[in-house]
Amino acid sequence: MIIGFYAPMKHPGHPVPSGDRKIANLFIELFQNLGHAVKILSVKSSWEGKGDAARQEASRSAVILDLERLKKDPEIRKLDLVFVYHVYHKSPDWLGLDLARFLNIPYLIAEASFSPRQAWGDWAVGHERTRACILSADVVLCLNPVDEHCISELLPGTEGIERILPFAASPDPRGEFPDRRSFANAHKTLNVESAWLICAAMMRSGDKLRSYRELSVALEAISDENWNLIVVGDGTKSCEVRSLFSGIGERCLFTGELDPTRIASWFQAADCYVWPSVNEAFGMALLEAASHGLPALSYDYGGVGTIIEDGINGFLVSPDDQLRFIDRLKLLINDQAIRNRMREQAKRKFLSDHSLGVAQMRISEILERLDASS
């Protein structure tokens, strides 16, 4: 099968790292592992975040130029399927649906989200287009249960909706990871005897900055406990993020942006993953931490609960219960037996529910059914 791939929010080769880019590349890897060829249809983005109608129209026009180019390309007629990743009112799909209709081939979208309250907002045009895409899709893949709830209201009986749990690649078993003492020797901030907490996230405004703020407040409340925090990431708000932790800065190590191999090394060395996950769909870094067997602590936003089973492989806390978040954090810091038990459960759940191999089997079944019915 030859699959045409389009990501209207952020294309797979975008220079800025993010969970969105990572998932797009994971889908491509998944299709290729199943023996399918993948053709990137466009690198043009339709995303517009400020509600500016003129910018939205400019991005729509640019994408449609690519659509018209594709329609004239004889190679495009070889496509068997159009797959579009991450469609919502701020990044509507102006390309995939029309191309699939033009070629009369199946149209599949993943991680679509639909918010009825946007019908008369600043992204009303994108909202209506997203509605049309969802209604026209042969299959809608839902990774986030919050998205599934809204989409099911558009598609009665959940016809066309297929649930797939968030997934990530498993760590390379051949990887060599330095031990904690070598990390501590290289970074004098770290105490080899303390509990090492870790988070990995871009430093940008909005929900990411709010998550950093929530985390800094929680850690300041337990400054007398024996912990270190390792923060992996960088971004336009790095100065603001560091200032949030200024009162406990001697306990925190900021690594900056790291390549995946180095991040894996830190995950392997750490004791638990701690991140408030404010308004996140589920969090790719959280999944990657789980792949290394890290117990996790997070607030219960979006699809985070599909990854963390409260009390089993980590702790999940209601977003309005900061005191419980702090209490669970203290427990993870002080109780190594709980961490060890949760570490085993984190590995188990990742392998059974969230590995790339599990996702491949699920997608293979869906594609086979789609091919049989077309």
Protein backbone atom coordinates (compact mmCIF):
# COMPACT_ATOMS: atom_id res chain seq x y z
CA MET A 1 0.00 0.00 0.00
CA ILE A 2 1.17 3.55 -0.76
CA ILE A 3 0.01 5.98 1.90
CA GLY A 4 -0.14 9.73 1.39
CA PHE A 5 0.74 11.40 4.70
CA TYR A 6 -0.11 14.94 5.79
CA ALA A 7 0.21 16.67 9.17
CA PRO A 8 -1.49 20.08 8.99
CA MET A 9 -0.21 21.25 12.37
CA LYS A 10 3.49 20.36 12.17
CA HIS A 11 5.12 18.30 9.44
CA PRO A 12 7.38 15.35 10.42
CA GLY A 13 10.59 17.15 9.46
CA HIS A 14 9.84 20.38 11.33
CA PRO A 15 13.00 21.79 12.99
CA VAL A 16 11.32 22.40 16.37
CA PRO A 17 11.01 19.23 18.48
CA SER A 18 7.63 18.46 20.05
CA GLY A 19 5.35 15.61 20.93
CA ASP A 20 3.29 16.38 17.85
CA ARG A 21 6.27 15.96 15.55
CA LYS A 22 7.30 12.79 17.36
CA ILE A 23 3.88 11.16 16.96
CA ALA A 24 3.78 12.05 13.27
CA ASN A 25 7.12 10.31 12.78
CA LEU A 26 5.96 7.33 14.84
CA PHE A 27 2.98 6.86 12.54
CA ILE A 28 5.30 6.94 9.53
CA GLU A 29 7.61 4.39 11.17
CA LEU A 30 4.59 2.23 12.01
CA PHE A 31 3.34 2.21 8.40
CA GLN A 32 6.81 1.43 7.06
CA ASN A 33 7.26 -1.41 9.57
CA LEU A 34 4.02 -2.88 8.20
CA GLY A 35 5.54 -2.83 4.70
CA HIS A 36 3.73 0.23 3.35
CA ALA A 37 5.36 3.08 1.46
CA VAL A 38 4.76 6.59 2.82
CA LYS A 39 4.71 9.75 0.70
CA ILE A 40 4.72 13.13 2.45
CA LEU A 41 2.08 15.16 0.63
CA SER A 42 2.97 18.63 1.90
CA VAL A 43 5.01 20.43 4.53
CA LYS A 44 2.65 23.41 4.53
CA SER A 45 0.96 24.06 7.86
CA SER A 46 -2.58 25.32 8.34
CA TRP A 47 -2.03 26.05 12.04
CA GLU A 48 -2.92 29.53 13.25
CA GLY A 49 -2.98 30.18 16.99
CA LYS A 50 -4.16 33.77 17.45
CA GLY A 51 -7.56 33.72 15.77
CA ASP A 52 -6.37 35.95 12.91
CA ALA A 53 -8.75 35.40 9.96
CA ALA A 54 -6.33 36.84 7.39
CA ARG A 55 -3.53 34.50 8.48
CA GLN A 56 -5.92 31.57 8.43
CA GLU A 57 -6.93 32.37 4.87
CA ALA A 58 -3.30 32.81 3.81
CA SER A 59 -2.33 29.40 5.19
CA ARG A 60 -5.41 27.79 3.60
CA SER A 61 -4.49 29.27 0.22
CA ALA A 62 -0.91 28.04 0.50
CA VAL A 63 -2.07 24.49 1.30
CA ILE A 64 -4.57 24.51 -1.57
CA LEU A 65 -1.75 25.44 -3.97
CA ASP A 66 -0.04 22.22 -2.89
CA LEU A 67 -3.31 20.34 -3.36
CA GLU A 68 -3.63 21.57 -6.95
CA ARG A 69 0.00 20.63 -7.60
CA LEU A 70 -0.62 17.13 -6.29
CA LYS A 71 -3.69 16.64 -8.48
CA LYS A 72 -1.48 17.19 -11.55
CA ASP A 73 1.21 14.75 -10.42
CA PRO A 74 0.84 11.33 -12.15
CA GLU A 75 2.64 9.63 -9.24
CA ILE A 76 -0.11 10.72 -6.85
CA ARG A 77 -2.58 8.48 -8.68
CA LYS A 78 -0.68 5.51 -7.22
CA LEU A 79 -1.82 6.36 -3.69
CA ASP A 80 -4.01 3.78 -1.95
CA LEU A 81 -4.90 5.83 1.13
CA VAL A 82 -4.67 9.37 2.48
CA PHE A 83 -3.72 9.62 6.16
CA VAL A 84 -3.91 12.94 8.01
CA TYR A 85 -2.54 13.40 11.52
CA HIS A 86 -3.87 15.92 14.08
CA VAL A 87 -6.86 17.82 12.75
CA TYR A 88 -8.71 20.46 14.78
CA HIS A 89 -10.07 23.98 14.41
CA LYS A 90 -6.65 25.64 14.66
CA SER A 91 -5.08 23.25 12.13
CA PRO A 92 -7.83 22.12 9.74
CA ASP A 93 -7.14 19.76 6.87
CA TRP A 94 -7.48 21.64 3.58
CA LEU A 95 -5.61 19.00 1.59
CA GLY A 96 -6.17 15.38 2.56
CA LEU A 97 -9.94 15.17 2.27
CA ASP A 98 -10.09 16.80 -1.16
CA LEU A 99 -7.21 14.68 -2.46
CA ALA A 100 -8.86 11.48 -1.24
CA ARG A 101 -12.12 12.49 -2.93
CA PHE A 102 -10.28 13.37 -6.14
CA LEU A 103 -8.57 9.97 -6.20
CA ASN A 104 -11.59 8.10 -4.82
CA ILE A 105 -9.51 6.39 -2.13
CA PRO A 106 -10.01 5.96 1.64
CA TYR A 107 -9.45 8.92 3.94
CA LEU A 108 -8.20 8.22 7.46
CA ILE A 109 -7.51 10.81 10.15
CA ALA A 110 -5.84 10.40 13.55
CA GLU A 111 -6.09 12.54 16.68
CA ALA A 112 -8.91 14.68 15.41
CA SER A 113 -10.56 16.92 17.96
CA PHE A 114 -13.88 18.72 17.76
CA SER A 115 -15.07 21.49 20.07
CA PRO A 116 -18.67 22.65 19.48
CA ARG A 117 -18.04 25.90 21.35
CA GLN A 118 -15.68 27.00 18.55
CA ALA A 119 -18.53 27.13 16.02
CA TRP A 120 -18.85 30.91 16.28
CA GLY A 121 -15.36 31.74 17.53
CA ASP A 122 -12.24 33.12 15.88
CA TRP A 123 -11.59 29.76 14.22
CA ALA A 124 -15.15 29.18 12.97
CA VAL A 125 -13.98 28.39 9.42
CA GLY A 126 -11.45 25.85 10.65
CA HIS A 127 -14.05 24.41 13.01
CA GLU A 128 -16.52 23.81 10.19
CA ARG A 129 -13.83 22.32 7.98
CA THR A 130 -12.79 19.95 10.78
CA ARG A 131 -16.41 18.92 11.19
CA ALA A 132 -16.60 18.10 7.47
CA CYS A 133 -13.37 16.09 7.63
CA ILE A 134 -14.56 14.01 10.59
CA LEU A 135 -17.93 13.33 8.96
CA SER A 136 -16.25 12.34 5.68
CA ALA A 137 -13.47 10.15 7.10
CA ASP A 138 -13.60 6.42 6.53
CA VAL A 139 -11.88 5.96 9.88
CA VAL A 140 -11.12 8.35 12.75
CA LEU A 141 -8.34 7.08 15.02
CA CYS A 142 -8.75 8.38 18.58
CA LEU A 143 -5.74 8.42 20.89
CA ASN A 144 -7.37 10.66 23.50
CA PRO A 145 -10.66 9.65 25.20
CA VAL A 146 -11.61 13.33 25.55
CA ASP A 147 -11.49 13.71 21.76
CA GLU A 148 -13.43 10.48 21.32
CA HIS A 149 -16.31 11.77 23.40
CA CYS A 150 -16.78 14.88 21.25
CA ILE A 151 -16.34 13.02 17.97
CA SER A 152 -18.87 10.36 18.95
CA GLU A 153 -21.50 13.09 19.14
CA LEU A 154 -20.84 13.78 15.45
CA LEU A 155 -20.80 10.10 14.49
CA PRO A 156 -23.79 8.37 16.16
CA GLY A 157 -23.17 4.78 17.16
CA THR A 158 -19.39 5.50 17.01
CA GLU A 159 -19.39 4.20 13.45
CA GLY A 160 -16.02 4.96 11.91
CA ILE A 161 -14.32 5.63 15.25
CA GLU A 162 -11.40 3.39 16.18
CA ARG A 163 -9.65 3.71 19.52
CA ILE A 164 -5.89 3.28 19.75
CA LEU A 165 -3.89 3.87 22.89
CA PRO A 166 -0.97 6.33 22.73
CA PHE A 167 2.21 4.55 21.72
CA ALA A 168 5.97 4.99 21.58
CA ALA A 169 9.01 3.07 20.44
CA SER A 170 10.58 0.70 22.96
CA PRO A 171 14.08 1.51 24.23
CA ASP A 172 16.94 -0.14 22.40
CA PRO A 173 17.85 -3.16 24.58
CA ARG A 174 21.43 -2.83 23.36
CA GLY A 175 21.70 0.68 24.76
CA GLU A 176 24.43 1.35 27.29
CA PHE A 177 23.39 3.63 30.13
CA PRO A 178 25.83 5.26 32.56
CA ASP A 179 25.18 4.49 36.22
CA ARG A 180 23.93 7.10 38.68
CA ARG A 181 27.31 7.65 40.22
CA SER A 182 28.86 8.68 36.91
CA PHE A 183 26.02 11.18 36.40
CA ALA A 184 26.49 12.52 39.92
CA ASN A 185 30.24 12.84 39.42
CA ALA A 186 29.65 14.80 36.21
CA HIS A 187 26.95 17.04 37.71
CA LYS A 188 27.73 18.24 41.23
CA THR A 189 24.11 19.37 41.67
CA LEU A 190 23.07 15.72 41.96
CA ASN A 191 23.28 13.71 45.15
CA VAL A 192 23.59 10.02 44.35
CA GLU A 193 21.66 9.14 47.54
CA SER A 194 18.65 11.34 46.83
CA ALA A 195 15.52 10.51 44.84
CA TRP A 196 15.99 11.76 41.28
CA LEU A 197 12.88 13.29 39.79
CA ILE A 198 12.81 14.04 36.08
CA CYS A 199 10.63 15.84 33.56
CA ALA A 200 11.13 16.55 29.86
CA ALA A 201 9.19 19.34 28.21
CA MET A 202 9.55 22.33 25.94
CA MET A 203 9.88 25.67 27.70
CA ARG A 204 7.18 27.75 26.05
CA SER A 205 4.27 29.94 27.08
CA GLY A 206 0.80 28.65 27.90
CA ASP A 207 0.19 25.22 29.40
CA LYS A 208 3.85 24.18 29.43
CA LEU A 209 4.82 27.23 31.49
CA ARG A 210 1.84 26.62 33.77
CA SER A 211 2.98 23.02 34.30
CA TYR A 212 6.45 24.21 35.25
CA ARG A 213 4.88 26.68 37.67
CA GLU A 214 2.75 23.97 39.30
CA LEU A 215 5.80 21.74 39.65
CA SER A 216 7.97 24.45 41.21
CA VAL A 217 5.28 25.22 43.81
CA ALA A 218 5.00 21.55 44.76
CA LEU A 219 8.77 21.13 45.11
CA GLU A 220 9.18 24.28 47.18
CA ALA A 221 6.58 22.84 49.58
CA ILE A 222 8.86 19.82 50.19
CA SER A 223 12.23 21.51 50.06
CA ASP A 224 13.23 19.66 53.24
CA GLU A 225 12.91 16.25 51.54
CA ASN A 226 15.81 14.42 49.90
CA TRP A 227 15.36 14.95 46.15
CA ASN A 228 16.94 16.34 43.02
CA LEU A 229 15.07 17.48 39.91
CA ILE A 230 16.41 16.94 36.39
CA VAL A 231 14.75 19.17 33.79
CA VAL A 232 15.25 18.21 30.16
CA GLY A 233 14.19 20.82 27.60
CA ASP A 234 14.63 24.32 26.27
CA GLY A 235 12.61 26.98 24.54
CA THR A 236 11.64 30.63 24.34
CA LYS A 237 10.60 30.73 28.01
CA SER A 238 13.72 29.10 29.45
CA CYS A 239 14.59 32.17 31.54
CA GLU A 240 11.09 32.29 33.02
CA VAL A 241 11.18 28.57 33.77
CA ARG A 242 14.51 28.77 35.55
CA SER A 243 13.30 31.74 37.58
CA LEU A 244 10.34 29.66 38.82
CA PHE A 245 12.81 27.30 40.48
CA SER A 246 15.18 29.99 41.77
CA GLY A 247 14.32 29.29 45.41
CA ILE A 248 15.33 25.63 45.04
CA GLY A 249 17.79 26.06 42.19
CA GLU A 250 20.65 24.29 43.98
CA ARG A 251 18.56 21.09 43.87
CA CYS A 252 17.74 21.34 40.15
CA LEU A 253 19.74 20.40 37.08
CA PHE A 254 18.70 21.97 33.76
CA THR A 255 20.18 19.91 30.93
CA GLY A 256 18.84 21.95 28.01
CA GLU A 257 17.65 20.23 24.84
CA LEU A 258 19.08 16.74 24.38
CA ASP A 259 19.07 14.13 21.65
CA PRO A 260 16.86 11.04 22.18
CA THR A 261 19.78 8.80 23.21
CA ARG A 262 20.86 11.19 25.94
CA ILE A 263 17.27 11.62 27.17
CA ALA A 264 16.99 7.83 27.40
CA SER A 265 20.11 7.78 29.57
CA TRP A 266 18.59 10.24 32.00
CA PHE A 267 15.30 8.32 32.10
CA GLN A 268 17.26 5.17 32.91
CA ALA A 269 19.08 6.90 35.77
CA ALA A 270 16.07 8.65 37.32
CA ASP A 271 13.70 7.35 40.00
CA CYS A 272 10.39 8.79 38.83
CA TYR A 273 8.83 11.09 36.25
CA VAL A 274 7.01 14.12 37.66
CA TRP A 275 5.01 16.45 35.47
CA PRO A 276 1.66 18.22 36.04
CA SER A 277 0.64 17.71 32.35
CA VAL A 278 -1.64 20.77 32.33
CA ASN A 279 -4.15 20.38 29.47
CA GLU A 280 -2.00 17.79 27.69
CA ALA A 281 -3.61 15.18 25.47
CA PHE A 282 -1.42 12.49 27.07
CA GLY A 283 2.26 13.47 26.82
CA MET A 284 4.87 11.73 24.71
CA ALA A 285 7.63 12.24 27.28
CA LEU A 286 5.41 10.53 29.85
CA LEU A 287 5.08 7.54 27.52
CA GLU A 288 8.82 7.42 26.91
CA ALA A 289 9.47 7.57 30.64
CA ALA A 290 7.09 4.63 31.08
CA SER A 291 9.01 2.68 28.44
CA HIS A 292 12.02 2.90 30.75
CA GLY A 293 9.97 1.73 33.72
CA LEU A 294 9.70 5.09 35.46
CA PRO A 295 6.79 5.50 37.88
CA ALA A 296 5.01 8.78 37.18
CA LEU A 297 3.10 11.48 39.01
CA SER A 298 0.72 13.73 37.08
CA TYR A 299 -2.53 15.59 37.24
CA ASP A 300 -5.45 13.86 35.52
CA TYR A 301 -5.73 15.82 32.28
CA GLY A 302 -6.86 14.55 28.87
CA GLY A 303 -5.64 11.05 28.12
CA VAL A 304 -2.95 10.94 30.83
CA GLY A 305 -5.14 8.41 32.63
CA THR A 306 -4.73 5.98 29.73
CA ILE A 307 -1.02 5.81 30.63
CA ILE A 308 -1.01 6.15 34.43
CA GLU A 309 -3.05 3.69 36.50
CA ASP A 310 -3.36 5.42 39.85
CA GLY A 311 -1.56 3.50 42.56
CA ILE A 312 -0.26 0.89 40.09
CA ASN A 313 2.41 2.43 37.86
CA GLY A 314 2.25 5.91 39.34
CA PHE A 315 -0.14 8.41 40.86
CA LEU A 316 -2.88 10.36 39.09
CA VAL A 317 -4.24 13.40 40.92
CA SER A 318 -7.29 15.57 40.30
CA PRO A 319 -6.15 18.90 38.75
CA ASP A 320 -7.64 20.91 41.62
CA ASP A 321 -5.94 18.92 44.42
CA GLN A 322 -2.48 20.40 44.84
CA LEU A 323 -2.15 19.10 48.39
CA ARG A 324 -2.62 15.51 47.22
CA PHE A 325 -0.09 16.07 44.42
CA ILE A 326 2.43 17.18 47.04
CA ASP A 327 1.55 14.24 49.30
CA ARG A 328 1.99 11.71 46.46
CA LEU A 329 5.27 13.37 45.52
CA LYS A 330 6.58 12.96 49.07
CA LEU A 331 5.57 9.31 49.03
CA LEU A 332 7.46 8.62 45.80
CA ILE A 333 10.54 10.39 47.14
CA ASN A 334 10.63 8.53 50.44
CA ASP A 335 9.38 5.03 49.63
CA GLN A 336 11.79 3.11 47.42
CA ALA A 337 9.72 -0.07 47.76
CA ILE A 338 6.74 1.67 46.14
CA ARG A 339 8.97 3.03 43.40
CA ASN A 340 10.37 -0.43 42.70
CA ARG A 341 6.91 -1.99 42.54
CA MET A 342 5.61 0.76 40.28
CA ARG A 343 8.69 0.49 38.06
CA GLU A 344 7.81 -3.11 37.21
CA GLN A 345 4.19 -2.18 36.57
CA ALA A 346 5.22 0.73 34.34
CA LYS A 347 7.25 -1.64 32.16
CA ARG A 348 4.41 -4.16 32.09
CA LYS A 349 1.77 -1.65 31.05
CA PHE A 350 3.96 -0.06 28.41
CA LEU A 351 4.73 -3.39 26.76
CA SER A 352 1.13 -4.62 26.91
CA ASP A 353 -0.65 -1.39 25.88
CA HIS A 354 1.66 1.29 24.49
CA SER A 355 4.53 -0.22 22.51
CA LEU A 356 4.97 0.45 18.81
CA GLY A 357 4.48 -3.26 18.15
CA VAL A 358 1.06 -3.27 19.83
CA ALA A 359 0.02 -0.18 17.83
CA GLN A 360 1.20 -1.83 14.61
CA MET A 361 -1.05 -4.84 15.19
CA ARG A 362 -4.01 -2.56 15.89
CA ILE A 363 -3.43 -0.39 12.81
CA SER A 364 -2.84 -3.45 10.63
CA GLU A 365 -6.27 -4.80 11.58
CA ILE A 366 -7.91 -1.47 10.80
CA LEU A 367 -6.20 -1.15 7.42
CA GLU A 368 -7.14 -4.71 6.47
CA ARG A 369 -10.80 -4.04 7.26
CA LEU A 370 -10.67 -0.76 5.38
CA ASP A 371 -9.09 -2.44 2.35
CA ALA A 372 -11.67 -5.24 2.41
CA SER A 373 -14.58 -2.80 2.45
CA SER A 374 -13.26 -0.45 -0.24
